[in-house]
Amino acid sequence: MQKEALMDEVQACFRAVFSSGQGQRVLGQLLIDTGYFDKVTPDNMHTVNYAKDILEKCGLDFRNNPDLVGSYVQKLFELRAK
């Protein structure tokens, strides 16, 4: 199996696991536990990068997708308004 096909399969698995309500709760807890929402320091840099890797494997690559970033920011403001 070629590397690109394998990565597509892995991404599909990650999306399947984390797209359910329970999976999203688990993903949210993983992001909290890895310090994703904290200020990045030398001590937590590796775990924050790991959280970003998990998001990328779910197809949520914020660094290379301005539309996804825009949707994310819009949702943040909608949540804040409630």
C-alpha atoms as a PDB file:
ATOM      1  CA  MET A   1       0.000   0.000   0.000  1.00  0.00           C
ATOM      2  CA  GLN A   2       1.373   3.397  -0.916  1.00  0.00           C
ATOM      3  CA  LYS A   3       2.012   6.001   1.753  1.00  0.00           C
ATOM      4  CA  GLU A   4      -0.697   8.393   0.476  1.00  0.00           C
ATOM      5  CA  ALA A   5      -3.332   5.641   0.382  1.00  0.00           C
ATOM      6  CA  LEU A   6      -2.354   4.562   3.883  1.00  0.00           C
ATOM      7  CA  MET A   7      -2.658   8.131   5.161  1.00  0.00           C
ATOM      8  CA  ASP A   8      -6.109   8.428   3.561  1.00  0.00           C
ATOM      9  CA  GLU A   9      -7.146   5.228   5.335  1.00  0.00           C
ATOM     10  CA  VAL A  10      -5.750   6.461   8.658  1.00  0.00           C
ATOM     11  CA  GLN A  11      -7.551   9.796   8.244  1.00  0.00           C
ATOM     12  CA  ALA A  12     -10.816   7.990   7.517  1.00  0.00           C
ATOM     13  CA  CYS A  13     -10.378   5.949  10.711  1.00  0.00           C
ATOM     14  CA  PHE A  14      -9.644   9.031  12.816  1.00  0.00           C
ATOM     15  CA  ARG A  15     -12.684  10.825  11.376  1.00  0.00           C
ATOM     16  CA  ALA A  16     -14.901   7.813  12.031  1.00  0.00           C
ATOM     17  CA  VAL A  17     -13.759   7.580  15.650  1.00  0.00           C
ATOM     18  CA  PHE A  18     -13.957  11.283  16.470  1.00  0.00           C
ATOM     19  CA  SER A  19     -17.057  12.252  14.481  1.00  0.00           C
ATOM     20  CA  SER A  20     -19.505  10.648  16.922  1.00  0.00           C
ATOM     21  CA  GLY A  21     -20.723  12.557  19.960  1.00  0.00           C
ATOM     22  CA  GLN A  22     -18.685  10.345  22.286  1.00  0.00           C
ATOM     23  CA  GLY A  23     -15.650  10.624  20.046  1.00  0.00           C
ATOM     24  CA  GLN A  24     -15.886  14.407  20.078  1.00  0.00           C
ATOM     25  CA  ARG A  25     -16.034  14.388  23.879  1.00  0.00           C
ATOM     26  CA  VAL A  26     -12.924  12.199  23.952  1.00  0.00           C
ATOM     27  CA  LEU A  27     -11.166  14.439  21.422  1.00  0.00           C
ATOM     28  CA  GLY A  28     -12.080  17.501  23.462  1.00  0.00           C
ATOM     29  CA  GLN A  29     -10.647  15.894  26.591  1.00  0.00           C
ATOM     30  CA  LEU A  30      -7.481  14.932  24.705  1.00  0.00           C
ATOM     31  CA  LEU A  31      -7.061  18.550  23.616  1.00  0.00           C
ATOM     32  CA  ILE A  32      -7.468  19.723  27.212  1.00  0.00           C
ATOM     33  CA  ASP A  33      -5.127  17.048  28.580  1.00  0.00           C
ATOM     34  CA  THR A  34      -2.408  17.865  26.045  1.00  0.00           C
ATOM     35  CA  GLY A  35      -2.525  21.582  26.863  1.00  0.00           C
ATOM     36  CA  TYR A  36      -3.791  22.522  23.400  1.00  0.00           C
ATOM     37  CA  PHE A  37      -5.659  25.548  24.777  1.00  0.00           C
ATOM     38  CA  ASP A  38      -2.805  26.616  27.073  1.00  0.00           C
ATOM     39  CA  LYS A  39       0.074  28.918  26.277  1.00  0.00           C
ATOM     40  CA  VAL A  40       2.771  26.876  24.539  1.00  0.00           C
ATOM     41  CA  THR A  41       5.922  26.504  26.599  1.00  0.00           C
ATOM     42  CA  PRO A  42       9.056  24.390  26.160  1.00  0.00           C
ATOM     43  CA  ASP A  43       7.557  21.963  28.694  1.00  0.00           C
ATOM     44  CA  ASN A  44       4.273  21.340  26.835  1.00  0.00           C
ATOM     45  CA  MET A  45       5.375  21.975  23.252  1.00  0.00           C
ATOM     46  CA  HIS A  46       5.564  18.277  22.358  1.00  0.00           C
ATOM     47  CA  THR A  47       2.133  17.414  23.703  1.00  0.00           C
ATOM     48  CA  VAL A  48       0.545  20.433  22.001  1.00  0.00           C
ATOM     49  CA  ASN A  49       2.134  19.382  18.713  1.00  0.00           C
ATOM     50  CA  TYR A  50       0.778  15.869  19.290  1.00  0.00           C
ATOM     51  CA  ALA A  51      -2.720  17.331  19.686  1.00  0.00           C
ATOM     52  CA  LYS A  52      -2.245  19.197  16.392  1.00  0.00           C
ATOM     53  CA  ASP A  53      -1.168  15.926  14.761  1.00  0.00           C
ATOM     54  CA  ILE A  54      -4.377  14.273  15.972  1.00  0.00           C
ATOM     55  CA  LEU A  55      -6.450  17.111  14.493  1.00  0.00           C
ATOM     56  CA  GLU A  56      -4.573  16.830  11.190  1.00  0.00           C
ATOM     57  CA  LYS A  57      -5.233  13.094  11.108  1.00  0.00           C
ATOM     58  CA  CYS A  58      -8.926  13.934  11.505  1.00  0.00           C
ATOM     59  CA  GLY A  59      -8.641  16.165   8.435  1.00  0.00           C
ATOM     60  CA  LEU A  60      -8.631  19.358  10.484  1.00  0.00           C
ATOM     61  CA  ASP A  61      -5.410  20.962   9.289  1.00  0.00           C
ATOM     62  CA  PHE A  62      -5.904  24.564  10.369  1.00  0.00           C
ATOM     63  CA  ARG A  63      -2.489  25.689   9.143  1.00  0.00           C
ATOM     64  CA  ASN A  64      -3.256  24.982   5.496  1.00  0.00           C
ATOM     65  CA  ASN A  65      -6.975  25.724   5.282  1.00  0.00           C
ATOM     66  CA  PRO A  66      -8.080  29.368   5.672  1.00  0.00           C
ATOM     67  CA  ASP A  67     -11.758  28.430   5.212  1.00  0.00           C
ATOM     68  CA  LEU A  68     -11.565  25.980   8.108  1.00  0.00           C
ATOM     69  CA  VAL A  69      -9.924  28.644  10.278  1.00  0.00           C
ATOM     70  CA  GLY A  70     -12.699  31.095   9.396  1.00  0.00           C
ATOM     71  CA  SER A  71     -15.385  28.572  10.371  1.00  0.00           C
ATOM     72  CA  TYR A  72     -13.547  27.802  13.607  1.00  0.00           C
ATOM     73  CA  VAL A  73     -13.299  31.478  14.559  1.00  0.00           C
ATOM     74  CA  GLN A  74     -16.954  32.064  13.709  1.00  0.00           C
ATOM     75  CA  LYS A  75     -17.982  29.146  15.964  1.00  0.00           C
ATOM     76  CA  LEU A  76     -15.839  30.541  18.791  1.00  0.00           C
ATOM     77  CA  PHE A  77     -17.658  33.851  18.636  1.00  0.00           C
ATOM     78  CA  GLU A  78     -21.051  32.133  18.443  1.00  0.00           C
ATOM     79  CA  LEU A  79     -20.204  30.141  21.573  1.00  0.00           C
ATOM     80  CA  ARG A  80     -19.039  33.265  23.368  1.00  0.00           C
ATOM     81  CA  ALA A  81     -22.315  35.029  22.569  1.00  0.00           C
ATOM     82  CA  LYS A  82     -24.399  32.358  24.335  1.00  0.00           C
END
